[in-house]
């Protein structure tokens, strides 16, 4: 009986922690229009996060759209499947992931990244910095 209780508590704690991580699928919401733009899958490998556009949700999005404004190896690559998050790591204190980069494929700009889960892990605050300036979006977890 005692083992069953310990196992149940460990499972519940593990599920709660899993919801506090950015790993998973997120629906990005445009910070200017409030419109859902895409679904991004974030994965962890070697302690660093990366994220790719898995599904585009905009009405005018075409399946063959490419990143025309990108300036690195992603230039002219399809937006669907494009890696837009690279290298974010868990910050000291364990409340945010930072140090990585996020790409805006619409303008080709790459921002320094900070990710924080909110609302019990159901939302993700995505903040991109260039110098002292930043943009923030709140993404919603896709279940």
Foldseek 3Di string as FASTA:
>chain_A
DVVVVVVVVVVVVVVLVVLFDPAAKWFWADPVPRHTFFIKGWDDDPQFIKIATAGGDDPPDDQLDALCQADPPRHRPGNHGDIFKDGWHQDPVRFKTFDIWGADSVHNDIFGWIWGADPSSQKIWIWGDDPPDIDITIIGGDD
